[in-house]
N, C-alpha and C. Protein backbone atom coordinates (compact mmCIF):
# COMPACT_ATOMS: atom_id res chain seq x y z
N MET A 1 30.27 -29.83 -51.22
CA MET A 1 31.44 -28.82 -51.67
C MET A 1 31.65 -27.82 -50.65
N MET A 2 30.55 -27.26 -50.03
CA MET A 2 30.70 -26.21 -48.93
C MET A 2 31.36 -26.68 -47.83
N LYS A 3 31.05 -28.05 -47.41
CA LYS A 3 31.69 -28.61 -46.33
C LYS A 3 33.13 -28.66 -46.33
N ASN A 4 33.66 -29.10 -47.61
CA ASN A 4 34.97 -29.19 -47.94
C ASN A 4 35.69 -27.83 -47.82
N ILE A 5 35.17 -26.72 -48.17
CA ILE A 5 35.73 -25.55 -48.10
C ILE A 5 35.77 -25.14 -46.66
N SER A 6 34.88 -25.49 -45.96
CA SER A 6 34.70 -25.02 -44.47
C SER A 6 35.81 -25.78 -43.75
N TYR A 7 36.09 -27.09 -44.01
CA TYR A 7 37.06 -27.90 -43.33
C TYR A 7 38.50 -27.36 -43.85
N LEU A 8 38.73 -26.99 -44.99
CA LEU A 8 39.86 -26.35 -45.47
C LEU A 8 40.22 -25.13 -44.67
N LEU A 9 39.20 -24.31 -44.60
CA LEU A 9 39.44 -23.00 -43.86
C LEU A 9 39.62 -23.23 -42.41
N MET A 10 38.88 -24.15 -41.63
CA MET A 10 39.18 -24.45 -40.36
C MET A 10 40.67 -24.96 -40.25
N SER A 11 41.12 -25.89 -41.09
CA SER A 11 42.49 -26.40 -40.90
C SER A 11 43.44 -25.27 -41.19
N ILE A 12 43.36 -24.39 -42.06
CA ILE A 12 44.18 -23.30 -42.36
C ILE A 12 44.30 -22.39 -41.12
N THR A 13 43.11 -22.09 -40.59
CA THR A 13 43.05 -21.21 -39.39
C THR A 13 43.76 -21.82 -38.28
N CYS A 14 43.56 -23.13 -37.94
CA CYS A 14 44.33 -23.83 -36.98
C CYS A 14 45.82 -23.91 -37.27
N PHE A 15 46.22 -24.01 -38.38
CA PHE A 15 47.64 -24.03 -38.77
C PHE A 15 48.34 -22.74 -38.61
N VAL A 16 47.57 -21.55 -38.89
CA VAL A 16 48.09 -20.29 -38.66
C VAL A 16 48.15 -20.02 -37.20
N PHE A 17 47.25 -20.39 -36.41
CA PHE A 17 47.30 -20.15 -34.87
C PHE A 17 48.39 -20.94 -34.32
N ALA A 18 48.58 -22.17 -34.85
CA ALA A 18 49.71 -23.13 -34.32
C ALA A 18 51.07 -22.39 -34.70
N TYR A 19 51.20 -21.90 -35.76
CA TYR A 19 52.46 -21.25 -36.28
C TYR A 19 52.64 -20.07 -35.33
N ALA A 20 51.72 -19.23 -35.08
CA ALA A 20 51.85 -18.10 -34.15
C ALA A 20 52.31 -18.55 -32.78
N HIS A 21 51.57 -19.58 -32.27
CA HIS A 21 52.04 -20.10 -31.03
C HIS A 21 53.49 -20.62 -30.96
N PHE A 22 53.86 -21.40 -31.97
CA PHE A 22 55.21 -21.88 -32.11
C PHE A 22 56.26 -20.66 -32.03
N LYS A 23 55.88 -19.60 -32.53
CA LYS A 23 56.81 -18.43 -32.57
C LYS A 23 56.79 -17.62 -31.24
N GLY A 24 55.95 -18.05 -30.33
CA GLY A 24 55.97 -17.52 -28.94
C GLY A 24 54.80 -16.48 -28.81
N ASN A 25 54.01 -16.32 -29.74
CA ASN A 25 52.86 -15.32 -29.52
C ASN A 25 51.73 -16.01 -28.73
N VAL A 26 51.63 -15.48 -27.44
CA VAL A 26 50.53 -16.11 -26.71
C VAL A 26 49.40 -15.06 -26.50
N SER A 27 49.40 -13.98 -27.31
CA SER A 27 48.33 -12.91 -27.29
C SER A 27 47.04 -13.65 -27.84
N LEU A 28 47.12 -14.65 -28.56
CA LEU A 28 45.83 -15.37 -28.97
C LEU A 28 45.07 -16.00 -27.83
N VAL A 29 45.69 -16.22 -26.67
CA VAL A 29 45.00 -16.77 -25.53
C VAL A 29 44.59 -15.75 -24.57
N HIS A 30 43.32 -15.88 -24.05
CA HIS A 30 42.80 -14.95 -23.18
C HIS A 30 43.71 -14.66 -21.97
N SER A 31 43.65 -13.48 -21.45
CA SER A 31 44.61 -13.13 -20.43
C SER A 31 44.41 -13.91 -19.08
N TYR A 32 43.08 -14.33 -18.82
CA TYR A 32 42.92 -15.14 -17.68
C TYR A 32 43.41 -16.49 -17.76
N HIS A 33 43.62 -17.01 -18.93
CA HIS A 33 44.28 -18.29 -19.17
C HIS A 33 45.68 -18.35 -19.01
N LYS A 34 46.30 -17.22 -19.00
CA LYS A 34 47.74 -17.12 -18.97
C LYS A 34 48.28 -16.31 -17.83
N ARG A 35 47.46 -15.84 -16.87
CA ARG A 35 47.94 -14.88 -15.92
C ARG A 35 48.84 -15.60 -14.77
N LYS A 36 48.78 -16.85 -14.54
CA LYS A 36 49.58 -17.40 -13.51
C LYS A 36 50.85 -18.17 -14.09
N ILE A 37 51.08 -17.99 -15.39
CA ILE A 37 52.14 -18.66 -16.08
C ILE A 37 53.34 -17.79 -15.75
N GLU A 38 54.58 -18.45 -15.22
CA GLU A 38 55.84 -17.74 -14.94
C GLU A 38 56.49 -17.40 -16.31
N GLN A 39 57.25 -16.38 -16.24
CA GLN A 39 57.84 -15.83 -17.50
C GLN A 39 58.77 -16.88 -18.19
N GLU A 40 59.37 -17.64 -17.37
CA GLU A 40 60.38 -18.64 -18.03
C GLU A 40 59.64 -19.83 -18.57
N ASN A 41 58.40 -20.06 -18.27
CA ASN A 41 57.57 -21.08 -18.84
C ASN A 41 56.72 -20.64 -20.00
N LEU A 42 56.80 -19.40 -20.25
CA LEU A 42 55.90 -18.71 -21.31
C LEU A 42 56.12 -19.39 -22.78
N MET A 43 57.34 -19.64 -23.12
CA MET A 43 57.62 -20.23 -24.38
C MET A 43 57.22 -21.63 -24.50
N SER A 44 57.47 -22.44 -23.45
CA SER A 44 57.09 -23.80 -23.37
C SER A 44 55.51 -23.96 -23.48
N TYR A 45 54.88 -23.09 -22.69
CA TYR A 45 53.38 -23.07 -22.63
C TYR A 45 52.74 -22.73 -24.15
N SER A 46 53.44 -21.77 -24.82
CA SER A 46 53.11 -21.37 -26.13
C SER A 46 53.29 -22.58 -27.16
N LYS A 47 54.33 -23.22 -26.98
CA LYS A 47 54.69 -24.27 -27.88
C LYS A 47 53.68 -25.46 -27.73
N THR A 48 53.37 -25.78 -26.52
CA THR A 48 52.51 -26.80 -26.23
C THR A 48 51.03 -26.55 -26.75
N MET A 49 50.64 -25.25 -26.56
CA MET A 49 49.42 -24.81 -27.09
C MET A 49 49.52 -24.89 -28.64
N GLY A 50 50.57 -24.58 -29.25
CA GLY A 50 50.70 -24.75 -30.64
C GLY A 50 50.50 -26.22 -31.19
N VAL A 51 51.09 -27.11 -30.42
CA VAL A 51 51.02 -28.49 -30.66
C VAL A 51 49.37 -28.88 -30.67
N GLY A 52 48.73 -28.45 -29.73
CA GLY A 52 47.29 -28.74 -29.70
C GLY A 52 46.51 -28.15 -30.82
N MET A 53 46.81 -26.86 -31.17
CA MET A 53 46.21 -26.27 -32.28
C MET A 53 46.55 -27.09 -33.72
N LEU A 54 47.83 -27.48 -33.66
CA LEU A 54 48.30 -28.30 -34.91
C LEU A 54 47.48 -29.64 -34.98
N MET A 55 47.19 -30.25 -33.81
CA MET A 55 46.47 -31.52 -33.83
C MET A 55 45.03 -31.29 -34.30
N CYS A 56 44.46 -30.21 -33.84
CA CYS A 56 43.10 -29.88 -34.32
C CYS A 56 43.02 -29.64 -35.84
N GLY A 57 44.07 -28.97 -36.29
CA GLY A 57 44.23 -28.65 -37.78
C GLY A 57 44.41 -29.86 -38.62
N LEU A 58 45.19 -30.75 -38.19
CA LEU A 58 45.50 -32.09 -38.77
C LEU A 58 44.25 -32.93 -38.83
N GLY A 59 43.48 -32.86 -37.68
CA GLY A 59 42.23 -33.66 -37.79
C GLY A 59 41.30 -33.15 -38.84
N CYS A 60 41.11 -31.88 -38.97
CA CYS A 60 40.25 -31.08 -39.94
C CYS A 60 40.76 -31.48 -41.40
N LEU A 61 42.06 -31.43 -41.62
CA LEU A 61 42.68 -31.68 -42.89
C LEU A 61 42.56 -33.21 -43.30
N MET A 62 42.81 -34.09 -42.38
CA MET A 62 42.56 -35.47 -42.57
C MET A 62 41.05 -35.70 -42.98
N ASN A 63 40.17 -35.13 -42.31
CA ASN A 63 38.73 -35.19 -42.67
C ASN A 63 38.51 -34.82 -44.10
N LEU A 64 39.20 -33.63 -44.50
CA LEU A 64 38.87 -33.20 -45.85
C LEU A 64 39.48 -34.18 -46.90
N LEU A 65 40.71 -34.61 -46.53
CA LEU A 65 41.29 -35.63 -47.45
C LEU A 65 40.43 -36.96 -47.59
N ALA A 66 39.92 -37.28 -46.51
CA ALA A 66 39.08 -38.49 -46.49
C ALA A 66 37.81 -38.31 -47.30
N ARG A 67 37.18 -37.04 -47.02
CA ARG A 67 36.00 -36.75 -47.75
C ARG A 67 36.12 -36.65 -49.30
N LEU A 68 37.32 -36.19 -49.66
CA LEU A 68 37.68 -36.30 -51.07
C LEU A 68 37.77 -37.56 -51.76
N LEU A 69 38.19 -38.50 -50.89
CA LEU A 69 38.30 -40.01 -51.30
C LEU A 69 36.89 -40.70 -51.09
N ARG A 70 35.92 -39.97 -50.74
CA ARG A 70 34.64 -40.50 -50.41
C ARG A 70 34.60 -41.46 -49.25
N LEU A 71 35.40 -41.30 -48.32
CA LEU A 71 35.46 -42.12 -47.08
C LEU A 71 34.89 -41.13 -45.93
N PHE A 72 33.61 -40.90 -46.02
CA PHE A 72 33.04 -39.92 -45.04
C PHE A 72 33.14 -40.24 -43.72
N VAL A 73 32.86 -41.56 -43.33
CA VAL A 73 32.84 -42.06 -41.78
C VAL A 73 34.26 -42.00 -41.39
N LEU A 74 35.20 -42.42 -42.10
CA LEU A 74 36.59 -42.37 -41.66
C LEU A 74 37.13 -40.94 -41.48
N GLY A 75 36.60 -40.00 -42.34
CA GLY A 75 37.02 -38.65 -42.21
C GLY A 75 36.48 -38.04 -40.87
N GLU A 76 35.27 -38.40 -40.51
CA GLU A 76 34.66 -37.92 -39.30
C GLU A 76 35.41 -38.49 -38.00
N ILE A 77 35.75 -39.75 -38.22
CA ILE A 77 36.66 -40.39 -37.21
C ILE A 77 37.94 -39.48 -36.93
N PHE A 78 38.60 -39.33 -38.08
CA PHE A 78 39.98 -38.55 -38.10
C PHE A 78 39.68 -37.18 -37.34
N MET A 79 38.64 -36.54 -37.68
CA MET A 79 38.39 -35.16 -37.13
C MET A 79 38.18 -35.25 -35.70
N VAL A 80 37.32 -36.15 -35.28
CA VAL A 80 36.97 -36.21 -33.82
C VAL A 80 38.28 -36.63 -32.98
N ILE A 81 39.06 -37.48 -33.45
CA ILE A 81 40.34 -37.92 -32.92
C ILE A 81 41.29 -36.73 -32.80
N GLY A 82 41.39 -36.06 -33.92
CA GLY A 82 42.41 -34.88 -33.96
C GLY A 82 41.81 -33.76 -33.01
N ILE A 83 40.65 -33.48 -32.89
CA ILE A 83 40.13 -32.33 -32.12
C ILE A 83 40.23 -32.78 -30.61
N ILE A 84 39.86 -34.06 -30.23
CA ILE A 84 39.95 -34.57 -28.88
C ILE A 84 41.45 -34.49 -28.45
N ALA A 85 42.36 -34.89 -29.37
CA ALA A 85 43.70 -34.80 -28.92
C ALA A 85 44.26 -33.45 -28.85
N GLY A 86 43.80 -32.61 -29.71
CA GLY A 86 44.21 -31.23 -29.64
C GLY A 86 43.80 -30.47 -28.36
N VAL A 87 42.51 -30.64 -28.19
CA VAL A 87 41.97 -30.00 -26.82
C VAL A 87 42.62 -30.71 -25.63
N GLY A 88 42.93 -31.96 -25.72
CA GLY A 88 43.47 -32.62 -24.57
C GLY A 88 44.91 -31.98 -24.37
N ILE A 89 45.62 -31.78 -25.36
CA ILE A 89 47.06 -31.25 -25.27
C ILE A 89 46.96 -29.85 -24.64
N MET A 90 45.86 -28.98 -25.22
CA MET A 90 45.66 -27.80 -24.65
C MET A 90 45.28 -27.68 -23.20
N LEU A 91 44.49 -28.57 -22.83
CA LEU A 91 44.16 -28.72 -21.37
C LEU A 91 45.30 -28.99 -20.49
N TYR A 92 46.17 -29.89 -21.05
CA TYR A 92 47.44 -30.25 -20.37
C TYR A 92 48.28 -29.11 -20.13
N ALA A 93 48.48 -28.31 -21.24
CA ALA A 93 49.29 -27.00 -21.00
C ALA A 93 48.63 -26.05 -19.98
N GLN A 94 47.35 -25.93 -20.06
CA GLN A 94 46.65 -25.10 -19.00
C GLN A 94 46.97 -25.57 -17.66
N LEU A 95 46.74 -26.90 -17.39
CA LEU A 95 46.84 -27.41 -16.11
C LEU A 95 48.36 -27.45 -15.62
N LYS A 96 49.18 -27.64 -16.48
CA LYS A 96 50.67 -27.71 -16.15
C LYS A 96 51.29 -26.35 -15.85
N TYR A 97 50.96 -25.39 -16.73
CA TYR A 97 51.66 -24.09 -16.68
C TYR A 97 50.86 -22.98 -16.03
N ASN A 98 49.46 -23.22 -16.19
CA ASN A 98 48.68 -22.18 -15.29
C ASN A 98 48.07 -22.62 -13.99
N HIS A 99 48.39 -23.86 -13.71
CA HIS A 99 47.94 -24.51 -12.42
C HIS A 99 46.41 -24.46 -12.31
N GLY A 100 45.71 -24.76 -13.46
CA GLY A 100 44.22 -24.71 -13.46
C GLY A 100 43.86 -24.18 -14.81
N ILE A 101 42.54 -24.38 -15.06
CA ILE A 101 41.92 -23.88 -16.31
C ILE A 101 41.76 -22.38 -16.28
N PHE A 102 41.35 -21.70 -15.16
CA PHE A 102 41.12 -20.37 -15.16
C PHE A 102 42.11 -19.63 -14.30
């Protein structure tokens, strides 16, 4: 039961961060991760980071739904795929718009 609540809280947190990124709020990202981004690319960077956070949140939510249906292994697979895809999208945004990770 506690794991289900923690997965729900993680997915809600990721969805809130994704929504903030979609609105153009890049203050959630450390300053050294966004210092080389040009002003005209800031909104695209923010939306791409939002998509990455959304993927992480969807992975956690799919894990929760699979756990409620007693499909534990499938839920873990969903979560790993969602987090890997989300982190991959965020790394893509960092490399494309910031010209490096740092």
